[in-house]
PDB file of N, CA and C in Angstrom:
ATOM      1  N   MET A   1      15.896 143.514 190.481  1.00  0.00           N
ATOM      2  CA  MET A   1      15.644 142.317 189.704  1.00  0.00           C
ATOM      3  C   MET A   1      16.820 142.108 188.753  1.00  0.00           C
ATOM      4  N   THR A   2      17.303 140.898 188.692  1.00  0.00           N
ATOM      5  CA  THR A   2      18.402 140.599 187.788  1.00  0.00           C
ATOM      6  C   THR A   2      17.851 140.097 186.461  1.00  0.00           C
ATOM      7  N   VAL A   3      18.554 140.427 185.419  1.00  0.00           N
ATOM      8  CA  VAL A   3      18.162 140.040 184.069  1.00  0.00           C
ATOM      9  C   VAL A   3      19.137 138.978 183.582  1.00  0.00           C
ATOM     10  N   ARG A   4      18.602 137.877 183.112  1.00  0.00           N
ATOM     11  CA  ARG A   4      19.450 136.821 182.556  1.00  0.00           C
ATOM     12  C   ARG A   4      19.632 137.076 181.066  1.00  0.00           C
ATOM     13  N   ILE A   5      20.890 137.072 180.627  1.00  0.00           N
ATOM     14  CA  ILE A   5      21.196 137.294 179.218  1.00  0.00           C
ATOM     15  C   ILE A   5      21.948 136.072 178.693  1.00  0.00           C
ATOM     16  N   ASP A   6      21.377 135.426 177.687  1.00  0.00           N
ATOM     17  CA  ASP A   6      22.010 134.274 177.038  1.00  0.00           C
ATOM     18  C   ASP A   6      22.543 134.705 175.684  1.00  0.00           C
ATOM     19  N   TYR A   7      23.723 134.234 175.356  1.00  0.00           N
ATOM     20  CA  TYR A   7      24.400 134.595 174.109  1.00  0.00           C
ATOM     21  C   TYR A   7      24.753 133.311 173.374  1.00  0.00           C
ATOM     22  N   THR A   8      24.386 133.223 172.093  1.00  0.00           N
ATOM     23  CA  THR A   8      24.650 132.029 171.303  1.00  0.00           C
ATOM     24  C   THR A   8      25.244 132.418 169.955  1.00  0.00           C
ATOM     25  N   ASP A   9      26.315 131.732 169.571  1.00  0.00           N
ATOM     26  CA  ASP A   9      26.896 131.850 168.233  1.00  0.00           C
ATOM     27  C   ASP A   9      26.523 130.607 167.440  1.00  0.00           C
ATOM     28  N   ARG A  10      26.063 130.797 166.227  1.00  0.00           N
ATOM     29  CA  ARG A  10      25.772 129.652 165.355  1.00  0.00           C
ATOM     30  C   ARG A  10      26.667 129.728 164.133  1.00  0.00           C
ATOM     31  N   HIS A  11      27.204 128.623 163.736  1.00  0.00           N
ATOM     32  CA  HIS A  11      27.988 128.455 162.514  1.00  0.00           C
ATOM     33  C   HIS A  11      29.303 129.216 162.478  1.00  0.00           C
ATOM     34  N   GLU A  12      29.553 130.084 163.421  1.00  0.00           N
ATOM     35  CA  GLU A  12      30.822 130.815 163.454  1.00  0.00           C
ATOM     36  C   GLU A  12      31.049 131.306 164.866  1.00  0.00           C
ATOM     37  N   GLN A  13      32.274 131.259 165.314  1.00  0.00           N
ATOM     38  CA  GLN A  13      32.629 131.799 166.621  1.00  0.00           C
ATOM     39  C   GLN A  13      33.043 133.256 166.439  1.00  0.00           C
ATOM     40  N   HIS A  14      32.204 134.173 166.868  1.00  0.00           N
ATOM     41  CA  HIS A  14      32.514 135.593 166.758  1.00  0.00           C
ATOM     42  C   HIS A  14      33.510 135.988 167.843  1.00  0.00           C
ATOM     43  N   PRO A  15      34.332 136.996 167.605  1.00  0.00           N
ATOM     44  CA  PRO A  15      35.302 137.430 168.619  1.00  0.00           C
ATOM     45  C   PRO A  15      34.600 138.016 169.850  1.00  0.00           C
ATOM     46  N   ASP A  16      35.347 138.113 170.932  1.00  0.00           N
ATOM     47  CA  ASP A  16      34.785 138.637 172.182  1.00  0.00           C
ATOM     48  C   ASP A  16      34.317 140.083 172.039  1.00  0.00           C
ATOM     49  N   THR A  17      34.933 140.837 171.140  1.00  0.00           N
ATOM     50  CA  THR A  17      34.515 142.229 170.959  1.00  0.00           C
ATOM     51  C   THR A  17      33.078 142.304 170.439  1.00  0.00           C
ATOM     52  N   VAL A  18      32.691 141.344 169.595  1.00  0.00           N
ATOM     53  CA  VAL A  18      31.314 141.312 169.077  1.00  0.00           C
ATOM     54  C   VAL A  18      30.349 140.972 170.203  1.00  0.00           C
ATOM     55  N   LYS A  19      30.736 140.022 171.048  1.00  0.00           N
ATOM     56  CA  LYS A  19      29.891 139.647 172.179  1.00  0.00           C
ATOM     57  C   LYS A  19      29.703 140.837 173.122  1.00  0.00           C
ATOM     58  N   GLU A  20      30.771 141.536 173.430  1.00  0.00           N
ATOM     59  CA  GLU A  20      30.690 142.702 174.315  1.00  0.00           C
ATOM     60  C   GLU A  20      29.829 143.796 173.692  1.00  0.00           C
ATOM     61  N   TYR A  21      29.961 143.989 172.381  1.00  0.00           N
ATOM     62  CA  TYR A  21      29.176 144.986 171.665  1.00  0.00           C
ATOM     63  C   TYR A  21      27.685 144.640 171.744  1.00  0.00           C
ATOM     64  N   ALA A  22      27.356 143.377 171.508  1.00  0.00           N
ATOM     65  CA  ALA A  22      25.963 142.949 171.552  1.00  0.00           C
ATOM     66  C   ALA A  22      25.386 143.110 172.959  1.00  0.00           C
ATOM     67  N   LEU A  23      26.149 142.740 173.972  1.00  0.00           N
ATOM     68  CA  LEU A  23      25.675 142.874 175.348  1.00  0.00           C
ATOM     69  C   LEU A  23      25.460 144.339 175.722  1.00  0.00           C
ATOM     70  N   GLU A  24      26.369 145.200 175.276  1.00  0.00           N
ATOM     71  CA  GLU A  24      26.239 146.634 175.542  1.00  0.00           C
ATOM     72  C   GLU A  24      24.972 147.186 174.894  1.00  0.00           C
ATOM     73  N   LYS A  25      24.700 146.760 173.668  1.00  0.00           N
ATOM     74  CA  LYS A  25      23.533 147.255 172.945  1.00  0.00           C
ATOM     75  C   LYS A  25      22.219 146.784 173.586  1.00  0.00           C
ATOM     76  N   VAL A  26      22.146 145.510 173.983  1.00  0.00           N
ATOM     77  CA  VAL A  26      20.883 145.023 174.555  1.00  0.00           C
ATOM     78  C   VAL A  26      20.634 145.588 175.951  1.00  0.00           C
ATOM     79  N   HIS A  27      21.684 146.021 176.637  1.00  0.00           N
ATOM     80  CA  HIS A  27      21.478 146.654 177.936  1.00  0.00           C
ATOM     81  C   HIS A  27      20.698 147.960 177.799  1.00  0.00           C
ATOM     82  N   LYS A  28      20.721 148.574 176.617  1.00  0.00           N
ATOM     83  CA  LYS A  28      19.944 149.787 176.377  1.00  0.00           C
ATOM     84  C   LYS A  28      18.445 149.523 176.529  1.00  0.00           C
ATOM     85  N   LEU A  29      18.017 148.298 176.219  1.00  0.00           N
ATOM     86  CA  LEU A  29      16.601 147.958 176.293  1.00  0.00           C
ATOM     87  C   LEU A  29      16.078 148.036 177.724  1.00  0.00           C
ATOM     88  N   LEU A  30      16.959 147.841 178.690  1.00  0.00           N
ATOM     89  CA  LEU A  30      16.542 147.867 180.087  1.00  0.00           C
ATOM     90  C   LEU A  30      16.110 149.262 180.521  1.00  0.00           C
ATOM     91  N   ARG A  31      16.589 150.296 179.834  1.00  0.00           N
ATOM     92  CA  ARG A  31      16.185 151.670 180.151  1.00  0.00           C
ATOM     93  C   ARG A  31      14.737 151.930 179.763  1.00  0.00           C
ATOM     94  N   PHE A  32      14.261 151.233 178.747  1.00  0.00           N
ATOM     95  CA  PHE A  32      12.933 151.495 178.221  1.00  0.00           C
ATOM     96  C   PHE A  32      11.827 150.749 178.962  1.00  0.00           C
ATOM     97  N   PHE A  33      12.158 149.591 179.524  1.00  0.00           N
ATOM     98  CA  PHE A  33      11.128 148.744 180.126  1.00  0.00           C
ATOM     99  C   PHE A  33      11.695 148.087 181.370  1.00  0.00           C
ATOM    100  N   ASP A  34      11.045 148.300 182.509  1.00  0.00           N
ATOM    101  CA  ASP A  34      11.557 147.805 183.780  1.00  0.00           C
ATOM    102  C   ASP A  34      11.344 146.304 183.983  1.00  0.00           C
ATOM    103  N   GLY A  35      10.356 145.736 183.348  1.00  0.00           N
ATOM    104  CA  GLY A  35       9.988 144.357 183.621  1.00  0.00           C
ATOM    105  C   GLY A  35      10.739 143.307 182.826  1.00  0.00           C
ATOM    106  N   VAL A  36      11.856 143.639 182.208  1.00  0.00           N
ATOM    107  CA  VAL A  36      12.598 142.669 181.406  1.00  0.00           C
ATOM    108  C   VAL A  36      13.206 141.607 182.331  1.00  0.00           C
ATOM    109  N   LYS A  37      12.924 140.328 182.020  1.00  0.00           N
ATOM    110  CA  LYS A  37      13.432 139.226 182.833  1.00  0.00           C
ATOM    111  C   LYS A  37      14.535 138.442 182.142  1.00  0.00           C
ATOM    112  N   HIS A  38      14.445 138.304 180.817  1.00  0.00           N
ATOM    113  CA  HIS A  38      15.378 137.446 180.096  1.00  0.00           C
ATOM    114  C   HIS A  38      15.609 138.004 178.699  1.00  0.00           C
ATOM    115  N   ILE A  39      16.861 137.997 178.265  1.00  0.00           N
ATOM    116  CA  ILE A  39      17.223 138.415 176.913  1.00  0.00           C
ATOM    117  C   ILE A  39      18.072 137.321 176.300  1.00  0.00           C
ATOM    118  N   GLU A  40      17.714 136.913 175.100  1.00  0.00           N
ATOM    119  CA  GLU A  40      18.475 135.889 174.387  1.00  0.00           C
ATOM    120  C   GLU A  40      19.001 136.491 173.084  1.00  0.00           C
ATOM    121  N   ILE A  41      20.316 136.399 172.885  1.00  0.00           N
ATOM    122  CA  ILE A  41      20.967 136.921 171.692  1.00  0.00           C
ATOM    123  C   ILE A  41      21.472 135.733 170.878  1.00  0.00           C
ATOM    124  N   VAL A  42      21.106 135.680 169.605  1.00  0.00           N
ATOM    125  CA  VAL A  42      21.559 134.613 168.720  1.00  0.00           C
ATOM    126  C   VAL A  42      22.191 135.256 167.489  1.00  0.00           C
ATOM    127  N   LEU A  43      23.488 135.016 167.301  1.00  0.00           N
ATOM    128  CA  LEU A  43      24.204 135.528 166.133  1.00  0.00           C
ATOM    129  C   LEU A  43      24.510 134.361 165.211  1.00  0.00           C
ATOM    130  N   ASP A  44      24.348 134.577 163.919  1.00  0.00           N
ATOM    131  CA  ASP A  44      24.492 133.494 162.949  1.00  0.00           C
ATOM    132  C   ASP A  44      25.151 134.026 161.685  1.00  0.00           C
ATOM    133  N   GLN A  45      25.779 133.126 160.953  1.00  0.00           N
ATOM    134  CA  GLN A  45      26.319 133.477 159.646  1.00  0.00           C
ATOM    135  C   GLN A  45      26.035 132.327 158.695  1.00  0.00           C
ATOM    136  N   GLU A  46      25.389 132.663 157.585  1.00  0.00           N
ATOM    137  CA  GLU A  46      25.168 131.698 156.516  1.00  0.00           C
ATOM    138  C   GLU A  46      25.603 132.352 155.221  1.00  0.00           C
ATOM    139  N   HIS A  47      26.491 131.697 154.539  1.00  0.00           N
ATOM    140  CA  HIS A  47      27.089 132.211 153.317  1.00  0.00           C
ATOM    141  C   HIS A  47      27.775 133.549 153.630  1.00  0.00           C
ATOM    142  N   ASP A  48      27.394 134.620 152.969  1.00  0.00           N
ATOM    143  CA  ASP A  48      28.016 135.924 153.229  1.00  0.00           C
ATOM    144  C   ASP A  48      27.129 136.835 154.067  1.00  0.00           C
ATOM    145  N   GLN A  49      26.032 136.318 154.585  1.00  0.00           N
ATOM    146  CA  GLN A  49      25.088 137.125 155.351  1.00  0.00           C
ATOM    147  C   GLN A  49      25.202 136.822 156.848  1.00  0.00           C
ATOM    148  N   HIS A  50      25.249 137.879 157.626  1.00  0.00           N
ATOM    149  CA  HIS A  50      25.248 137.752 159.080  1.00  0.00           C
ATOM    150  C   HIS A  50      23.853 138.101 159.571  1.00  0.00           C
ATOM    151  N   SER A  51      23.375 137.354 160.541  1.00  0.00           N
ATOM    152  CA  SER A  51      22.064 137.664 161.094  1.00  0.00           C
ATOM    153  C   SER A  51      22.146 137.731 162.612  1.00  0.00           C
ATOM    154  N   ALA A  52      21.314 138.588 163.165  1.00  0.00           N
ATOM    155  CA  ALA A  52      21.216 138.745 164.610  1.00  0.00           C
ATOM    156  C   ALA A  52      19.747 138.634 164.996  1.00  0.00           C
ATOM    157  N   GLU A  53      19.494 137.864 166.026  1.00  0.00           N
ATOM    158  CA  GLU A  53      18.142 137.714 166.542  1.00  0.00           C
ATOM    159  C   GLU A  53      18.197 137.928 168.041  1.00  0.00           C
ATOM    160  N   VAL A  54      17.271 138.725 168.544  1.00  0.00           N
ATOM    161  CA  VAL A  54      17.198 138.989 169.981  1.00  0.00           C
ATOM    162  C   VAL A  54      15.761 138.742 170.421  1.00  0.00           C
ATOM    163  N   ILE A  55      15.628 137.963 171.491  1.00  0.00           N
ATOM    164  CA  ILE A  55      14.327 137.649 172.063  1.00  0.00           C
ATOM    165  C   ILE A  55      14.313 138.205 173.480  1.00  0.00           C
ATOM    166  N   VAL A  56      13.322 139.035 173.772  1.00  0.00           N
ATOM    167  CA  VAL A  56      13.210 139.670 175.085  1.00  0.00           C
ATOM    168  C   VAL A  56      11.933 139.167 175.748  1.00  0.00           C
ATOM    169  N   SER A  57      12.063 138.661 176.962  1.00  0.00           N
ATOM    170  CA  SER A  57      10.909 138.243 177.756  1.00  0.00           C
ATOM    171  C   SER A  57      10.755 139.217 178.910  1.00  0.00           C
ATOM    172  N   ALA A  58       9.541 139.729 179.075  1.00  0.00           N
ATOM    173  CA  ALA A  58       9.287 140.722 180.121  1.00  0.00           C
ATOM    174  C   ALA A  58       8.002 140.378 180.854  1.00  0.00           C
ATOM    175  N   ALA A  59       7.871 140.950 182.033  1.00  0.00           N
ATOM    176  CA  ALA A  59       6.658 140.761 182.817  1.00  0.00           C
ATOM    177  C   ALA A  59       5.607 141.718 182.288  1.00  0.00           C
ATOM    178  N   PRO A  60       4.381 141.471 182.301  1.00  0.00           N
ATOM    179  CA  PRO A  60       3.689 140.221 182.570  1.00  0.00           C
ATOM    180  C   PRO A  60       3.504 139.418 181.283  1.00  0.00           C
ATOM    181  N   SER A  61       4.256 138.432 181.083  1.00  0.00           N
ATOM    182  CA  SER A  61       4.226 137.505 179.945  1.00  0.00           C
ATOM    183  C   SER A  61       4.244 138.204 178.580  1.00  0.00           C
ATOM    184  N   LEU A  62       5.146 139.163 178.429  1.00  0.00           N
ATOM    185  CA  LEU A  62       5.350 139.841 177.150  1.00  0.00           C
ATOM    186  C   LEU A  62       6.612 139.297 176.495  1.00  0.00           C
ATOM    187  N   HIS A  63       6.566 139.127 175.192  1.00  0.00           N
ATOM    188  CA  HIS A  63       7.719 138.646 174.441  1.00  0.00           C
ATOM    189  C   HIS A  63       7.913 139.549 173.224  1.00  0.00           C
ATOM    190  N   PHE A  64       9.144 139.950 173.013  1.00  0.00           N
ATOM    191  CA  PHE A  64       9.496 140.776 171.870  1.00  0.00           C
ATOM    192  C   PHE A  64      10.586 140.053 171.099  1.00  0.00           C
ATOM    193  N   VAL A  65      10.448 140.001 169.775  1.00  0.00           N
ATOM    194  CA  VAL A  65      11.415 139.312 168.934  1.00  0.00           C
ATOM    195  C   VAL A  65      11.852 140.250 167.825  1.00  0.00           C
ATOM    196  N   GLY A  66      13.167 140.336 167.636  1.00  0.00           N
ATOM    197  CA  GLY A  66      13.713 141.135 166.552  1.00  0.00           C
ATOM    198  C   GLY A  66      14.718 140.322 165.771  1.00  0.00           C
ATOM    199  N   HIS A  67      14.706 140.477 164.456  1.00  0.00           N
ATOM    200  CA  HIS A  67      15.619 139.741 163.595  1.00  0.00           C
ATOM    201  C   HIS A  67      16.103 140.691 162.496  1.00  0.00           C
ATOM    202  N   ALA A  68      17.423 140.684 162.248  1.00  0.00           N
ATOM    203  CA  ALA A  68      17.991 141.520 161.197  1.00  0.00           C
ATOM    204  C   ALA A  68      19.115 140.775 160.500  1.00  0.00           C
ATOM    205  N   THR A  69      19.244 140.998 159.196  1.00  0.00           N
ATOM    206  CA  THR A  69      20.288 140.376 158.394  1.00  0.00           C
ATOM    207  C   THR A  69      21.044 141.471 157.661  1.00  0.00           C
ATOM    208  N   CYS A  70      22.374 141.316 157.598  1.00  0.00           N
ATOM    209  CA  CYS A  70      23.210 142.330 156.972  1.00  0.00           C
ATOM    210  C   CYS A  70      24.518 141.678 156.514  1.00  0.00           C
ATOM    211  N   ASP A  71      25.327 142.428 155.768  1.00  0.00           N
ATOM    212  CA  ASP A  71      26.607 141.918 155.298  1.00  0.00           C
ATOM    213  C   ASP A  71      27.635 141.800 156.415  1.00  0.00           C
ATOM    214  N   SER A  72      27.476 142.581 157.468  1.00  0.00           N
ATOM    215  CA  SER A  72      28.386 142.571 158.602  1.00  0.00           C
ATOM    216  C   SER A  72      27.577 142.395 159.884  1.00  0.00           C
ATOM    217  N   ILE A  73      28.210 141.854 160.911  1.00  0.00           N
ATOM    218  CA  ILE A  73      27.472 141.532 162.132  1.00  0.00           C
ATOM    219  C   ILE A  73      27.121 142.758 162.959  1.00  0.00           C
ATOM    220  N   MET A  74      27.996 143.767 162.991  1.00  0.00           N
ATOM    221  CA  MET A  74      27.738 144.955 163.812  1.00  0.00           C
ATOM    222  C   MET A  74      26.482 145.723 163.358  1.00  0.00           C
ATOM    223  N   PRO A  75      26.317 146.015 162.062  1.00  0.00           N
ATOM    224  CA  PRO A  75      25.075 146.676 161.637  1.00  0.00           C
ATOM    225  C   PRO A  75      23.834 145.813 161.881  1.00  0.00           C
ATOM    226  N   ALA A  76      23.975 144.497 161.810  1.00  0.00           N
ATOM    227  CA  ALA A  76      22.840 143.610 162.082  1.00  0.00           C
ATOM    228  C   ALA A  76      22.407 143.752 163.538  1.00  0.00           C
ATOM    229  N   ILE A  77      23.379 143.836 164.447  1.00  0.00           N
ATOM    230  CA  ILE A  77      23.064 144.014 165.868  1.00  0.00           C
ATOM    231  C   ILE A  77      22.383 145.361 166.079  1.00  0.00           C
ATOM    232  N   ASP A  78      22.907 146.412 165.438  1.00  0.00           N
ATOM    233  CA  ASP A  78      22.311 147.741 165.567  1.00  0.00           C
ATOM    234  C   ASP A  78      20.860 147.753 165.089  1.00  0.00           C
ATOM    235  N   ARG A  79      20.601 147.115 163.966  1.00  0.00           N
ATOM    236  CA  ARG A  79      19.248 147.092 163.399  1.00  0.00           C
ATOM    237  C   ARG A  79      18.276 146.346 164.302  1.00  0.00           C
ATOM    238  N   VAL A  80      18.696 145.194 164.826  1.00  0.00           N
ATOM    239  CA  VAL A  80      17.787 144.400 165.648  1.00  0.00           C
ATOM    240  C   VAL A  80      17.485 145.123 166.961  1.00  0.00           C
ATOM    241  N   VAL A  81      18.460 145.793 167.541  1.00  0.00           N
ATOM    242  CA  VAL A  81      18.215 146.535 168.783  1.00  0.00           C
ATOM    243  C   VAL A  81      17.289 147.714 168.512  1.00  0.00           C
ATOM    244  N   SER A  82      17.449 148.366 167.374  1.00  0.00           N
ATOM    245  CA  SER A  82      16.566 149.468 167.007  1.00  0.00           C
ATOM    246  C   SER A  82      15.123 148.976 166.860  1.00  0.00           C
ATOM    247  N   LYS A  83      14.933 147.844 166.223  1.00  0.00           N
ATOM    248  CA  LYS A  83      13.594 147.268 166.075  1.00  0.00           C
ATOM    249  C   LYS A  83      12.980 146.954 167.430  1.00  0.00           C
ATOM    250  N   LEU A  84      13.785 146.383 168.316  1.00  0.00           N
ATOM    251  CA  LEU A  84      13.271 146.031 169.636  1.00  0.00           C
ATOM    252  C   LEU A  84      12.962 147.256 170.481  1.00  0.00           C
ATOM    253  N   GLU A  85      13.742 148.306 170.340  1.00  0.00           N
ATOM    254  CA  GLU A  85      13.450 149.535 171.067  1.00  0.00           C
ATOM    255  C   GLU A  85      12.062 150.050 170.699  1.00  0.00           C
ATOM    256  N   ARG A  86      11.751 150.039 169.404  1.00  0.00           N
ATOM    257  CA  ARG A  86      10.429 150.495 168.962  1.00  0.00           C
ATOM    258  C   ARG A  86       9.323 149.604 169.531  1.00  0.00           C
ATOM    259  N   GLN A  87       9.544 148.285 169.509  1.00  0.00           N
ATOM    260  CA  GLN A  87       8.537 147.357 170.027  1.00  0.00           C
ATOM    261  C   GLN A  87       8.296 147.567 171.517  1.00  0.00           C
ATOM    262  N   VAL A  88       9.372 147.718 172.266  1.00  0.00           N
ATOM    263  CA  VAL A  88       9.267 147.855 173.722  1.00  0.00           C
ATOM    264  C   VAL A  88       8.597 149.171 174.091  1.00  0.00           C
ATOM    265  N   VAL A  89       8.978 150.253 173.432  1.00  0.00           N
ATOM    266  CA  VAL A  89       8.374 151.549 173.721  1.00  0.00           C
ATOM    267  C   VAL A  89       6.888 151.528 173.390  1.00  0.00           C
ATOM    268  N   LYS A  90       6.517 150.936 172.274  1.00  0.00           N
ATOM    269  CA  LYS A  90       5.112 150.860 171.881  1.00  0.00           C
ATOM    270  C   LYS A  90       4.306 150.036 172.883  1.00  0.00           C
ATOM    271  N   ALA A  91       4.870 148.918 173.342  1.00  0.00           N
ATOM    272  CA  ALA A  91       4.181 148.078 174.323  1.00  0.00           C
ATOM    273  C   ALA A  91       4.020 148.813 175.646  1.00  0.00           C
ATOM    274  N   LYS A  92       5.028 149.548 176.042  1.00  0.00           N
ATOM    275  CA  LYS A  92       4.945 150.300 177.287  1.00  0.00           C
ATOM    276  C   LYS A  92       3.878 151.385 177.194  1.00  0.00           C
ATOM    277  N   GLU A  93       3.779 152.044 176.048  1.00  0.00           N
ATOM    278  CA  GLU A  93       2.742 153.055 175.849  1.00  0.00           C
ATOM    279  C   GLU A  93       1.349 152.431 175.889  1.00  0.00           C
ATOM    280  N   ARG A  94       1.209 151.247 175.283  1.00  0.00           N
ATOM    281  CA  ARG A  94      -0.079 150.559 175.317  1.00  0.00           C
ATOM    282  C   ARG A  94      -0.472 150.204 176.745  1.00  0.00           C
ATOM    283  N   LEU A  95       0.481 149.703 177.530  1.00  0.00           N
ATOM    284  CA  LEU A  95       0.189 149.362 178.920  1.00  0.00           C
ATOM    285  C   LEU A  95      -0.201 150.611 179.710  1.00  0.00           C
ATOM    286  N   ARG A  96       0.497 151.688 179.503  1.00  0.00           N
ATOM    287  CA  ARG A  96       0.225 152.931 180.227  1.00  0.00           C
ATOM    288  C   ARG A  96      -1.162 153.468 179.851  1.00  0.00           C
ATOM    289  N   ASP A  97      -1.495 153.476 178.558  1.00  0.00           N
ATOM    290  CA  ASP A  97      -2.796 153.974 178.121  1.00  0.00           C
ATOM    291  C   ASP A  97      -3.928 153.068 178.586  1.00  0.00           C
ATOM    292  N   HIS A  98      -3.681 151.784 178.625  1.00  0.00           N
ATOM    293  CA  HIS A  98      -4.707 150.824 179.033  1.00  0.00           C
ATOM    294  C   HIS A  98      -5.085 151.009 180.501  1.00  0.00           C
ATOM    295  N   HIS A  99      -4.115 151.323 181.331  1.00  0.00           N
ATOM    296  CA  HIS A  99      -4.359 151.443 182.760  1.00  0.00           C
ATOM    297  C   HIS A  99      -4.804 152.850 183.161  1.00  0.00           C
ATOM    298  N   ARG A 100      -4.915 153.743 182.213  1.00  0.00           N
ATOM    299  CA  ARG A 100      -5.281 155.108 182.531  1.00  0.00           C
ATOM    300  C   ARG A 100      -6.735 155.216 182.991  1.00  0.00           C
ATOM    301  N   GLY A 101      -7.619 154.442 182.418  1.00  0.00           N
ATOM    302  CA  GLY A 101      -9.012 154.443 182.830  1.00  0.00           C
ATOM    303  C   GLY A 101      -9.823 155.544 182.180  1.00  0.00           C
ATOM    304  N   ASP A 102     -11.009 155.815 182.739  1.00  0.00           N
ATOM    305  CA  ASP A 102     -11.925 156.805 182.180  1.00  0.00           C
ATOM    306  C   ASP A 102     -11.846 158.140 182.927  1.00  0.00           C
ATOM    307  N   SER A 103     -10.783 158.426 183.614  1.00  0.00           N
ATOM    308  CA  SER A 103     -10.684 159.663 184.401  1.00  0.00           C
ATOM    309  C   SER A 103     -10.526 160.888 183.513  1.00  0.00           C
ATOM    310  N   GLY A 104     -10.265 160.703 182.215  1.00  0.00           N
ATOM    311  CA  GLY A 104     -10.064 161.821 181.307  1.00  0.00           C
ATOM    312  C   GLY A 104     -11.356 162.485 180.854  1.00  0.00           C
ATOM    313  N   ARG A 105     -12.501 161.959 181.218  1.00  0.00           N
ATOM    314  CA  ARG A 105     -13.794 162.511 180.766  1.00  0.00           C
ATOM    315  C   ARG A 105     -14.274 163.626 181.621  1.00  0.00           C
TER     316      ARG A 105
END
Protein backbone atom coordinates (compact mmCIF):
# COMPACT_ATOMS: atom_id res chain seq x y z
CA MET A 1 0.00 0.00 0.00
CA THR A 2 1.35 3.41 -0.89
CA VAL A 3 1.11 6.31 1.50
CA ARG A 4 0.36 9.78 0.18
CA ILE A 5 2.30 12.53 1.95
CA ASP A 6 1.34 16.18 1.43
CA TYR A 7 3.67 18.96 2.53
CA THR A 8 2.57 22.59 2.95
CA ASP A 9 4.50 25.72 3.94
CA ARG A 10 2.52 28.67 5.26
CA HIS A 11 3.81 32.23 5.55
CA GLU A 12 7.41 31.20 4.87
CA GLN A 13 9.21 29.01 2.37
CA HIS A 14 11.34 26.61 4.41
CA PRO A 15 14.53 25.22 2.82
CA ASP A 16 14.55 21.76 1.25
CA THR A 17 16.54 20.40 4.20
CA VAL A 18 13.56 21.12 6.49
CA LYS A 19 11.21 19.36 4.08
CA GLU A 20 13.49 16.31 3.90
CA TYR A 21 13.81 16.30 7.70
CA ALA A 22 10.03 16.41 8.16
CA LEU A 23 9.48 13.63 5.61
CA GLU A 24 12.13 11.46 7.28
CA LYS A 25 10.51 11.96 10.68
CA VAL A 26 6.94 11.16 9.57
CA HIS A 27 8.13 7.99 7.84
CA LYS A 28 8.85 6.68 11.36
CA LEU A 29 5.09 6.59 11.97
CA LEU A 30 4.71 3.91 9.31
CA ARG A 31 6.65 1.48 11.52
CA PHE A 32 4.07 1.76 14.27
CA PHE A 33 0.86 1.37 12.28
CA ASP A 34 0.38 -0.53 9.03
CA GLY A 35 -2.90 1.06 7.98
CA VAL A 36 -1.63 4.61 7.38
CA LYS A 37 -3.09 5.94 4.11
CA HIS A 38 -2.36 9.67 4.13
CA ILE A 39 -0.07 12.05 6.01
CA GLU A 40 -0.36 15.82 5.80
CA ILE A 41 2.45 18.05 7.08
CA VAL A 42 1.80 21.76 7.60
CA LEU A 43 4.66 24.04 8.67
CA ASP A 44 3.93 27.64 9.63
CA GLN A 45 5.64 30.68 11.07
CA GLU A 46 3.90 33.55 12.80
CA HIS A 47 5.98 36.24 14.41
CA ASP A 48 8.92 34.44 16.08
CA GLN A 49 7.11 31.13 16.63
CA HIS A 50 7.33 28.15 14.31
CA SER A 51 4.57 25.59 14.34
CA ALA A 52 4.26 22.12 12.88
CA GLU A 53 1.03 20.22 12.41
CA VAL A 54 0.76 16.66 11.15
CA ILE A 55 -2.49 14.91 10.31
CA VAL A 56 -2.43 11.14 9.84
CA SER A 57 -5.32 9.23 8.27
CA ALA A 58 -5.34 5.46 8.74
CA ALA A 59 -7.64 2.55 8.11
CA PRO A 60 -10.33 1.95 9.37
CA SER A 61 -11.30 5.64 9.45
CA LEU A 62 -8.81 6.66 12.15
CA HIS A 63 -7.40 10.18 12.28
CA PHE A 64 -4.53 11.41 14.41
CA VAL A 65 -3.62 15.09 14.75
CA GLY A 66 -0.52 16.55 16.34
CA HIS A 67 0.41 20.20 16.74
CA ALA A 68 3.55 21.73 18.28
CA THR A 69 4.93 25.26 18.53
CA CYS A 70 8.54 26.19 19.23
CA ASP A 71 11.16 28.88 18.59
CA SER A 72 12.73 26.78 15.82
CA ILE A 73 11.12 24.54 13.22
CA MET A 74 13.22 21.40 13.81
CA PRO A 75 12.25 20.96 17.50
CA ALA A 76 8.61 21.64 16.55
CA ILE A 77 8.75 18.77 14.04
CA ASP A 78 10.36 16.50 16.64
CA ARG A 79 7.67 17.31 19.22
CA VAL A 80 4.74 16.76 16.86
CA VAL A 81 6.11 13.41 15.65
CA SER A 82 6.64 12.33 19.26
CA LYS A 83 3.02 13.21 20.09
CA LEU A 84 1.77 11.28 17.08
CA GLU A 85 3.87 8.24 17.93
CA ARG A 86 2.16 8.06 21.32
CA GLN A 87 -1.29 8.47 19.74
CA VAL A 88 -0.68 5.80 17.11
CA VAL A 89 0.77 3.27 19.55
CA LYS A 90 -2.13 3.80 21.97
CA ALA A 91 -4.69 3.36 19.18
CA LYS A 92 -2.99 0.20 17.98
CA GLU A 93 -3.04 -1.21 21.52
CA ARG A 94 -6.74 -0.39 21.83
CA LEU A 95 -7.49 -2.16 18.55
CA ARG A 96 -5.46 -5.20 19.58
CA ASP A 97 -7.13 -5.42 23.02
CA HIS A 98 -10.59 -4.91 21.55
CA HIS A 99 -10.22 -7.81 19.14
CA ARG A 100 -8.79 -10.17 21.73
CA GLY A 101 -12.21 -11.36 22.90
CA ASP A 102 -13.11 -13.37 26.00
CA SER A 103 -10.60 -16.20 25.45
CA GLY A 104 -8.60 -15.04 28.49
CA ARG A 105 -11.16 -16.43 30.98
